[in-house]
C-alpha atoms as a PDB file:
ATOM      1  CA  MET A   1     -18.445  -1.337  13.452  1.00  0.00           C
ATOM      2  CA  ASN A   2     -15.578  -1.207  15.835  1.00  0.00           C
ATOM      3  CA  ASP A   3     -15.493   2.455  17.563  1.00  0.00           C
ATOM      4  CA  LEU A   4     -12.039   3.204  16.101  1.00  0.00           C
ATOM      5  CA  LEU A   5     -12.493   1.748  12.753  1.00  0.00           C
ATOM      6  CA  ALA A   6     -15.864   3.861  12.847  1.00  0.00           C
ATOM      7  CA  LEU A   7     -13.504   6.885  13.964  1.00  0.00           C
ATOM      8  CA  ALA A   8     -11.293   6.819  10.995  1.00  0.00           C
ATOM      9  CA  ILE A   9     -13.591   6.206   7.777  1.00  0.00           C
ATOM     10  CA  ASN A  10     -15.784   9.056   9.127  1.00  0.00           C
ATOM     11  CA  ALA A  11     -11.896  11.058   9.148  1.00  0.00           C
ATOM     12  CA  HIS A  12     -11.123   9.760   5.957  1.00  0.00           C
ATOM     13  CA  GLY A  13     -14.303  10.590   4.318  1.00  0.00           C
ATOM     14  CA  GLY A  14     -17.212   8.086   5.549  1.00  0.00           C
ATOM     15  CA  LEU A  15     -18.425   4.654   3.656  1.00  0.00           C
ATOM     16  CA  ALA A  16     -20.965   6.008   1.653  1.00  0.00           C
ATOM     17  CA  ARG A  17     -18.696   8.473  -0.117  1.00  0.00           C
ATOM     18  CA  TRP A  18     -15.891   5.666  -0.743  1.00  0.00           C
ATOM     19  CA  ASN A  19     -18.561   2.961  -1.935  1.00  0.00           C
ATOM     20  CA  ALA A  20     -19.038   5.014  -4.760  1.00  0.00           C
ATOM     21  CA  ILE A  21     -15.766   4.697  -5.944  1.00  0.00           C
ATOM     22  CA  GLN A  22     -14.636   2.421  -8.671  1.00  0.00           C
ATOM     23  CA  THR A  23     -10.807   3.358  -9.315  1.00  0.00           C
ATOM     24  CA  ILE A  24      -8.275   5.660  -8.472  1.00  0.00           C
ATOM     25  CA  GLU A  25      -6.083   7.396 -10.346  1.00  0.00           C
ATOM     26  CA  VAL A  26      -2.578   8.754  -8.509  1.00  0.00           C
ATOM     27  CA  ASP A  27       0.270  10.366 -10.348  1.00  0.00           C
ATOM     28  CA  LEU A  28       3.003   9.534  -8.218  1.00  0.00           C
ATOM     29  CA  SER A  29       7.082   8.664  -7.810  1.00  0.00           C
ATOM     30  CA  ILE A  30       7.939   5.891  -5.559  1.00  0.00           C
ATOM     31  CA  ASN A  31      12.061   5.811  -4.760  1.00  0.00           C
ATOM     32  CA  GLY A  32      14.126   4.433  -1.793  1.00  0.00           C
ATOM     33  CA  VAL A  33      17.278   2.262  -1.217  1.00  0.00           C
ATOM     34  CA  LEU A  34      14.524  -1.107  -1.762  1.00  0.00           C
ATOM     35  CA  TRP A  35      14.781  -0.546  -5.558  1.00  0.00           C
ATOM     36  CA  GLU A  36      18.460   0.151  -5.157  1.00  0.00           C
ATOM     37  CA  TRP A  37      18.986  -3.019  -3.476  1.00  0.00           C
ATOM     38  CA  LYS A  38      16.955  -5.146  -6.249  1.00  0.00           C
ATOM     39  CA  GLN A  39      18.634  -3.072  -8.840  1.00  0.00           C
ATOM     40  CA  LEU A  40      15.843  -1.631  -9.979  1.00  0.00           C
ATOM     41  CA  SER A  41      16.065   2.366  -8.894  1.00  0.00           C
ATOM     42  CA  GLY A  42      13.551   4.476 -10.358  1.00  0.00           C
ATOM     43  CA  VAL A  43      11.497   1.656 -11.942  1.00  0.00           C
ATOM     44  CA  PHE A  44       8.503   3.488 -10.168  1.00  0.00           C
ATOM     45  CA  ALA A  45       9.424   7.220 -10.665  1.00  0.00           C
ATOM     46  CA  ASN A  46       6.810   9.487 -12.342  1.00  0.00           C
ATOM     47  CA  LYS A  47       4.228   6.574 -13.183  1.00  0.00           C
ATOM     48  CA  THR A  48       0.520   6.748 -12.965  1.00  0.00           C
ATOM     49  CA  VAL A  49      -1.254   4.080 -10.978  1.00  0.00           C
ATOM     50  CA  VAL A  50      -4.679   2.941 -11.090  1.00  0.00           C
ATOM     51  CA  ALA A  51      -6.297   0.904  -8.363  1.00  0.00           C
ATOM     52  CA  ASN A  52      -9.951  -0.750  -8.337  1.00  0.00           C
ATOM     53  CA  THR A  53     -11.255  -0.181  -4.890  1.00  0.00           C
ATOM     54  CA  LYS A  54     -13.676  -3.517  -5.674  1.00  0.00           C
ATOM     55  CA  HIS A  55     -10.863  -6.393  -6.008  1.00  0.00           C
ATOM     56  CA  GLN A  56      -7.119  -6.167  -6.086  1.00  0.00           C
ATOM     57  CA  ARG A  57      -6.173  -5.353  -9.709  1.00  0.00           C
ATOM     58  CA  VAL A  58      -3.277  -2.310 -10.117  1.00  0.00           C
ATOM     59  CA  SER A  59      -2.122  -1.049 -13.271  1.00  0.00           C
ATOM     60  CA  VAL A  60       1.507   0.866 -13.621  1.00  0.00           C
ATOM     61  CA  SER A  61       2.311   3.427 -17.064  1.00  0.00           C
ATOM     62  CA  PRO A  62       3.999   4.019 -18.549  1.00  0.00           C
ATOM     63  CA  ILE A  63       6.961   1.168 -18.312  1.00  0.00           C
ATOM     64  CA  GLY A  64       9.008   1.531 -21.157  1.00  0.00           C
ATOM     65  CA  SER A  65       5.796   2.142 -23.753  1.00  0.00           C
ATOM     66  CA  ASP A  66       3.746  -0.128 -22.229  1.00  0.00           C
ATOM     67  CA  LYS A  67       1.724  -1.101 -18.974  1.00  0.00           C
ATOM     68  CA  LEU A  68       1.943  -3.184 -16.379  1.00  0.00           C
ATOM     69  CA  VAL A  69      -0.800  -4.501 -14.259  1.00  0.00           C
ATOM     70  CA  TYR A  70      -0.900  -6.621 -11.444  1.00  0.00           C
ATOM     71  CA  THR A  71      -3.366  -9.226  -9.299  1.00  0.00           C
ATOM     72  CA  PRO A  72      -2.747 -11.740  -7.312  1.00  0.00           C
ATOM     73  CA  GLU A  73      -3.228 -14.447  -9.530  1.00  0.00           C
ATOM     74  CA  ARG A  74      -1.468 -12.968 -12.422  1.00  0.00           C
ATOM     75  CA  VAL A  75       1.011  -9.863 -13.504  1.00  0.00           C
ATOM     76  CA  TRP A  76       1.227  -8.955 -17.084  1.00  0.00           C
ATOM     77  CA  ILE A  77       2.546  -6.469 -19.129  1.00  0.00           C
ATOM     78  CA  GLU A  78       0.350  -5.194 -22.218  1.00  0.00           C
ATOM     79  CA  ASN A  79       1.290  -2.410 -25.263  1.00  0.00           C
ATOM     80  CA  ALA A  80      -0.845   0.224 -26.164  1.00  0.00           C
ATOM     81  CA  GLU A  81      -2.864  -1.571 -28.422  1.00  0.00           C
ATOM     82  CA  GLY A  82      -4.520  -3.991 -24.932  1.00  0.00           C
ATOM     83  CA  HIS A  83      -2.297  -7.077 -25.749  1.00  0.00           C
ATOM     84  CA  VAL A  84      -0.703  -8.743 -23.908  1.00  0.00           C
ATOM     85  CA  VAL A  85       3.181  -8.885 -24.687  1.00  0.00           C
ATOM     86  CA  ASP A  86       4.595 -10.788 -21.181  1.00  0.00           C
ATOM     87  CA  GLN A  87       2.944 -12.730 -17.894  1.00  0.00           C
ATOM     88  CA  ARG A  88       3.591 -14.451 -15.309  1.00  0.00           C
ATOM     89  CA  ASP A  89       0.952 -16.589 -13.506  1.00  0.00           C
ATOM     90  CA  SER A  90       0.948 -17.374  -9.326  1.00  0.00           C
ATOM     91  CA  PRO A  91       3.618 -14.745  -9.250  1.00  0.00           C
ATOM     92  CA  ALA A  92       4.328 -14.263  -5.669  1.00  0.00           C
ATOM     93  CA  LEU A  93       5.896 -18.068  -6.131  1.00  0.00           C
ATOM     94  CA  ALA A  94       8.586 -16.356  -8.009  1.00  0.00           C
ATOM     95  CA  PHE A  95      10.089 -14.946  -4.463  1.00  0.00           C
ATOM     96  CA  ALA A  96      10.968 -18.414  -3.271  1.00  0.00           C
ATOM     97  CA  GLY A  97      14.360 -18.766  -2.118  1.00  0.00           C
ATOM     98  CA  GLN A  98      15.264 -15.514  -1.994  1.00  0.00           C
ATOM     99  CA  VAL A  99      17.171 -12.687  -0.013  1.00  0.00           C
ATOM    100  CA  GLN A 100      17.766  -9.254   0.423  1.00  0.00           C
ATOM    101  CA  GLU A 101      20.134  -9.314  -2.157  1.00  0.00           C
ATOM    102  CA  THR A 102      18.404 -10.895  -4.740  1.00  0.00           C
ATOM    103  CA  PRO A 103      17.878  -9.160  -7.624  1.00  0.00           C
ATOM    104  CA  TRP A 104      14.223  -8.622  -9.109  1.00  0.00           C
ATOM    105  CA  ASP A 105      12.722  -8.301 -12.124  1.00  0.00           C
ATOM    106  CA  ILE A 106      10.020  -6.490 -13.199  1.00  0.00           C
ATOM    107  CA  PHE A 107       7.339  -8.859 -12.348  1.00  0.00           C
ATOM    108  CA  HIS A 108       8.416  -9.100  -8.953  1.00  0.00           C
ATOM    109  CA  ALA A 109       8.205  -5.442  -8.406  1.00  0.00           C
ATOM    110  CA  ALA A 110       4.831  -5.443  -9.679  1.00  0.00           C
ATOM    111  CA  VAL A 111       3.595  -7.960  -7.123  1.00  0.00           C
ATOM    112  CA  PHE A 112       5.368  -6.282  -3.965  1.00  0.00           C
ATOM    113  CA  ASN A 113       4.194  -3.059  -5.290  1.00  0.00           C
ATOM    114  CA  GLY A 114       0.678  -3.678  -6.401  1.00  0.00           C
ATOM    115  CA  ARG A 115       0.293  -5.220  -3.103  1.00  0.00           C
ATOM    116  CA  ALA A 116       1.364  -2.071  -1.021  1.00  0.00           C
ATOM    117  CA  LEU A 117      -0.259   0.509  -3.291  1.00  0.00           C
ATOM    118  CA  TRP A 118      -3.873  -1.562  -3.156  1.00  0.00           C
ATOM    119  CA  THR A 119      -3.588  -1.650   0.702  1.00  0.00           C
ATOM    120  CA  TYR A 120      -2.096   2.449   1.235  1.00  0.00           C
ATOM    121  CA  LEU A 121      -4.729   4.074  -1.589  1.00  0.00           C
ATOM    122  CA  THR A 122      -7.419   1.821  -0.037  1.00  0.00           C
ATOM    123  CA  GLN A 123      -7.046   2.271   4.103  1.00  0.00           C
ATOM    124  CA  PRO A 124      -9.129   2.338   5.916  1.00  0.00           C
ATOM    125  CA  PHE A 125     -12.038   1.661   4.121  1.00  0.00           C
ATOM    126  CA  LEU A 126     -10.638  -1.650   3.202  1.00  0.00           C
ATOM    127  CA  TYR A 127     -10.852  -2.721   6.984  1.00  0.00           C
ATOM    128  CA  ALA A 128     -14.639  -2.603   7.192  1.00  0.00           C
ATOM    129  CA  SER A 129     -14.733  -5.181   4.146  1.00  0.00           C
ATOM    130  CA  PRO A 130     -16.042  -8.690   4.714  1.00  0.00           C
ATOM    131  CA  GLY A 131     -13.645 -11.023   6.297  1.00  0.00           C
ATOM    132  CA  PHE A 132     -11.260  -8.712   8.236  1.00  0.00           C
ATOM    133  CA  ALA A 133     -11.094  -8.901  11.751  1.00  0.00           C
ATOM    134  CA  VAL A 134     -10.176  -5.631  13.725  1.00  0.00           C
ATOM    135  CA  GLU A 135      -9.623  -5.476  17.387  1.00  0.00           C
ATOM    136  CA  GLU A 136      -8.423  -1.927  19.184  1.00  0.00           C
ATOM    137  CA  ILE A 137      -4.868  -2.603  21.175  1.00  0.00           C
ATOM    138  CA  GLU A 138      -2.660  -0.269  23.483  1.00  0.00           C
ATOM    139  CA  PRO A 139      -2.026   3.245  22.432  1.00  0.00           C
ATOM    140  CA  TRP A 140       1.098   4.318  20.644  1.00  0.00           C
ATOM    141  CA  HIS A 141       2.900   7.698  22.085  1.00  0.00           C
ATOM    142  CA  GLU A 142       4.842   9.535  19.749  1.00  0.00           C
ATOM    143  CA  ASP A 143       5.191  12.819  18.340  1.00  0.00           C
ATOM    144  CA  GLY A 144       3.903  14.279  21.271  1.00  0.00           C
ATOM    145  CA  GLU A 145       0.372  12.488  20.760  1.00  0.00           C
ATOM    146  CA  ILE A 146      -1.433   9.552  21.782  1.00  0.00           C
ATOM    147  CA  TRP A 147      -2.673   7.394  18.361  1.00  0.00           C
ATOM    148  CA  ARG A 148      -5.453   4.680  18.927  1.00  0.00           C
ATOM    149  CA  SER A 149      -3.793   1.617  17.269  1.00  0.00           C
ATOM    150  CA  LEU A 150      -5.735  -1.310  15.154  1.00  0.00           C
ATOM    151  CA  ARG A 151      -4.782  -4.414  14.741  1.00  0.00           C
ATOM    152  CA  VAL A 152      -6.380  -6.038  11.523  1.00  0.00           C
ATOM    153  CA  THR A 153      -6.399  -9.116  10.182  1.00  0.00           C
ATOM    154  CA  PHE A 154      -6.852  -9.866   6.761  1.00  0.00           C
ATOM    155  CA  PRO A 155      -8.835 -12.616   5.032  1.00  0.00           C
ATOM    156  CA  SER A 156      -6.812 -14.661   2.994  1.00  0.00           C
ATOM    157  CA  ALA A 157      -8.418 -13.841  -0.364  1.00  0.00           C
ATOM    158  CA  VAL A 158      -6.593 -10.632   0.393  1.00  0.00           C
ATOM    159  CA  SER A 159      -3.026 -10.085  -0.933  1.00  0.00           C
ATOM    160  CA  SER A 160      -1.093  -7.907   1.487  1.00  0.00           C
ATOM    161  CA  HIS A 161       2.576  -7.603   3.242  1.00  0.00           C
ATOM    162  CA  THR A 162       1.302 -10.078   6.123  1.00  0.00           C
ATOM    163  CA  GLU A 163      -1.627 -11.446   7.280  1.00  0.00           C
ATOM    164  CA  THR A 164      -1.931  -9.371  10.528  1.00  0.00           C
ATOM    165  CA  GLN A 165      -0.967  -5.683  10.447  1.00  0.00           C
ATOM    166  CA  ILE A 166      -1.297  -3.063  12.896  1.00  0.00           C
ATOM    167  CA  THR A 167      -2.642   0.890  12.223  1.00  0.00           C
ATOM    168  CA  ARG A 168      -2.112   3.808  14.502  1.00  0.00           C
ATOM    169  CA  PHE A 169      -4.549   6.737  14.186  1.00  0.00           C
ATOM    170  CA  GLY A 170      -3.649  10.381  15.474  1.00  0.00           C
ATOM    171  CA  PRO A 171      -6.339  12.407  17.824  1.00  0.00           C
ATOM    172  CA  ASP A 172      -7.844  13.354  14.210  1.00  0.00           C
ATOM    173  CA  GLY A 173      -8.739   9.850  13.041  1.00  0.00           C
ATOM    174  CA  LEU A 174      -6.293  10.260  10.489  1.00  0.00           C
ATOM    175  CA  ILE A 175      -3.570   7.262   9.636  1.00  0.00           C
ATOM    176  CA  ARG A 176      -0.191   8.025  11.377  1.00  0.00           C
ATOM    177  CA  ARG A 177       1.503   4.888  11.233  1.00  0.00           C
ATOM    178  CA  HIS A 178       0.917   1.481   9.839  1.00  0.00           C
ATOM    179  CA  ASP A 179       3.557  -1.456  11.165  1.00  0.00           C
ATOM    180  CA  TYR A 180       3.598  -4.779   9.461  1.00  0.00           C
ATOM    181  CA  ASN A 181       5.956  -7.379   8.500  1.00  0.00           C
ATOM    182  CA  VAL A 182       7.089  -8.011   4.641  1.00  0.00           C
ATOM    183  CA  ASP A 183       6.461 -11.890   3.654  1.00  0.00           C
ATOM    184  CA  LEU A 184       8.180 -11.096   0.650  1.00  0.00           C
ATOM    185  CA  LEU A 185      11.307 -10.400   2.223  1.00  0.00           C
ATOM    186  CA  GLY A 186      11.279 -12.687   4.748  1.00  0.00           C
ATOM    187  CA  GLY A 187       9.474 -11.048   7.127  1.00  0.00           C
ATOM    188  CA  ALA A 188      10.831  -7.871   7.227  1.00  0.00           C
ATOM    189  CA  GLU A 189       9.317  -5.473  10.003  1.00  0.00           C
ATOM    190  CA  GLY A 190       8.422  -2.333   8.100  1.00  0.00           C
ATOM    191  CA  VAL A 191       6.785   0.747   9.964  1.00  0.00           C
ATOM    192  CA  ASN A 192       5.226   3.101   6.954  1.00  0.00           C
ATOM    193  CA  TYR A 193       4.131   7.149   8.488  1.00  0.00           C
ATOM    194  CA  ALA A 194       1.561   8.760   6.240  1.00  0.00           C
ATOM    195  CA  SER A 195       1.243  12.748   6.377  1.00  0.00           C
ATOM    196  CA  ASN A 196       1.016  15.747   3.755  1.00  0.00           C
ATOM    197  CA  TYR A 197      -3.108  15.259   4.187  1.00  0.00           C
ATOM    198  CA  ARG A 198      -5.162  16.373   1.401  1.00  0.00           C
ATOM    199  CA  THR A 199      -8.912  16.096   0.723  1.00  0.00           C
ATOM    200  CA  VAL A 200     -10.114  15.326  -3.245  1.00  0.00           C
ATOM    201  CA  ASP A 201     -13.443  14.813  -3.658  1.00  0.00           C
ATOM    202  CA  GLY A 202     -14.266  14.298   0.076  1.00  0.00           C
ATOM    203  CA  ILE A 203     -11.900  11.527   0.400  1.00  0.00           C
ATOM    204  CA  VAL A 204      -8.969  12.264   2.988  1.00  0.00           C
ATOM    205  CA  VAL A 205      -5.708  10.915   1.084  1.00  0.00           C
ATOM    206  CA  PRO A 206      -2.219  11.044   2.716  1.00  0.00           C
ATOM    207  CA  MET A 207      -0.137  12.546  -0.518  1.00  0.00           C
ATOM    208  CA  ARG A 208       3.341  11.387   1.138  1.00  0.00           C
ATOM    209  CA  ARG A 209       4.484   7.982   2.533  1.00  0.00           C
ATOM    210  CA  ARG A 210       8.006   7.042   4.365  1.00  0.00           C
ATOM    211  CA  VAL A 211       8.787   3.450   5.178  1.00  0.00           C
ATOM    212  CA  TYR A 212      11.677   2.695   7.390  1.00  0.00           C
ATOM    213  CA  PRO A 213      12.806  -0.430   9.057  1.00  0.00           C
ATOM    214  CA  ARG A 214      11.412  -1.241  12.727  1.00  0.00           C
ATOM    215  CA  ASP A 215      13.136  -3.120  15.821  1.00  0.00           C
ATOM    216  CA  ALA A 216      12.146  -5.334  17.929  1.00  0.00           C
ATOM    217  CA  ALA A 217      10.620  -2.732  20.420  1.00  0.00           C
ATOM    218  CA  MET A 218       8.498  -1.561  17.276  1.00  0.00           C
ATOM    219  CA  GLN A 219      10.882   1.871  17.238  1.00  0.00           C
ATOM    220  CA  ARG A 220      11.571   3.287  14.095  1.00  0.00           C
ATOM    221  CA  ALA A 221      14.994   2.749  12.650  1.00  0.00           C
ATOM    222  CA  PRO A 222      16.343   6.368  11.856  1.00  0.00           C
ATOM    223  CA  GLU A 223      17.781   4.756   8.407  1.00  0.00           C
ATOM    224  CA  PRO A 224      17.755   3.749   6.104  1.00  0.00           C
ATOM    225  CA  LEU A 225      14.913   5.249   4.025  1.00  0.00           C
ATOM    226  CA  LEU A 226      13.229   2.083   2.294  1.00  0.00           C
ATOM    227  CA  VAL A 227      10.728   3.086   0.043  1.00  0.00           C
ATOM    228  CA  SER A 228       9.162   7.118  -0.165  1.00  0.00           C
ATOM    229  CA  ILE A 229       5.902   7.552  -1.887  1.00  0.00           C
ATOM    230  CA  ASP A 230       5.146  11.181  -2.825  1.00  0.00           C
ATOM    231  CA  ILE A 231       1.347  11.661  -4.870  1.00  0.00           C
ATOM    232  CA  THR A 232       1.136  14.619  -6.755  1.00  0.00           C
ATOM    233  CA  ALA A 233      -2.754  14.297  -8.052  1.00  0.00           C
ATOM    234  CA  ILE A 234      -5.318  11.878  -7.221  1.00  0.00           C
ATOM    235  CA  ARG A 235      -8.763  11.427  -8.981  1.00  0.00           C
ATOM    236  CA  PHE A 236     -11.624   9.282  -8.133  1.00  0.00           C
ATOM    237  CA  ASN A 237     -13.568   7.794 -11.000  1.00  0.00           C
ATOM    238  CA  ARG A 238     -17.601   6.690  -9.740  1.00  0.00           C
ATOM    239  CA  SER A 239     -18.531   4.591 -12.772  1.00  0.00           C
END
């Protein structure tokens, strides 16, 4: 294993402990100007999210009285009895031709949110999965620290913001910053800061994320705040 990735995985709780986890359940609120642009302000405020660690499935509830479920192949809404009340197959295709001002429906939101959260909640352990290619690149200097940087190439079987992303780690091995483009937003450049770490069942988790635009020099734009993620509770399920 790449030595930077090994450092990061150990700092976040270790691969053996992580591999025993089947699902992650978090209580959170997601906000930011992106959701205003898409005419969905507050759509993911005060929700419970359940993410499967072994394959890409993310559920969000409550959506009204229902549950919203994301997989790369299909998104759907199911009621309290588990019956599907609406769905969209091949949901990424529904983004074709969109621009920043294009409003989203709940299924667009589910795809964007599902891809993002599944990546964030499984980092950095995800990078040790089969098919991922990692390479340490030049370090990044920010906030008076030197952050070692890992370029990660995702396999085609995993849906995320884009194929190649950069995760930057502080001297303690914890994620400080995550750089990427967003294919679903026409390649828009984003920088995601992770902070407010908490240890839960031996896994070290950032409870706060803030996403800003990024310029051509890889510098963070001070505004707008595109997306905010605030986790208030997290639970790991091993069966």
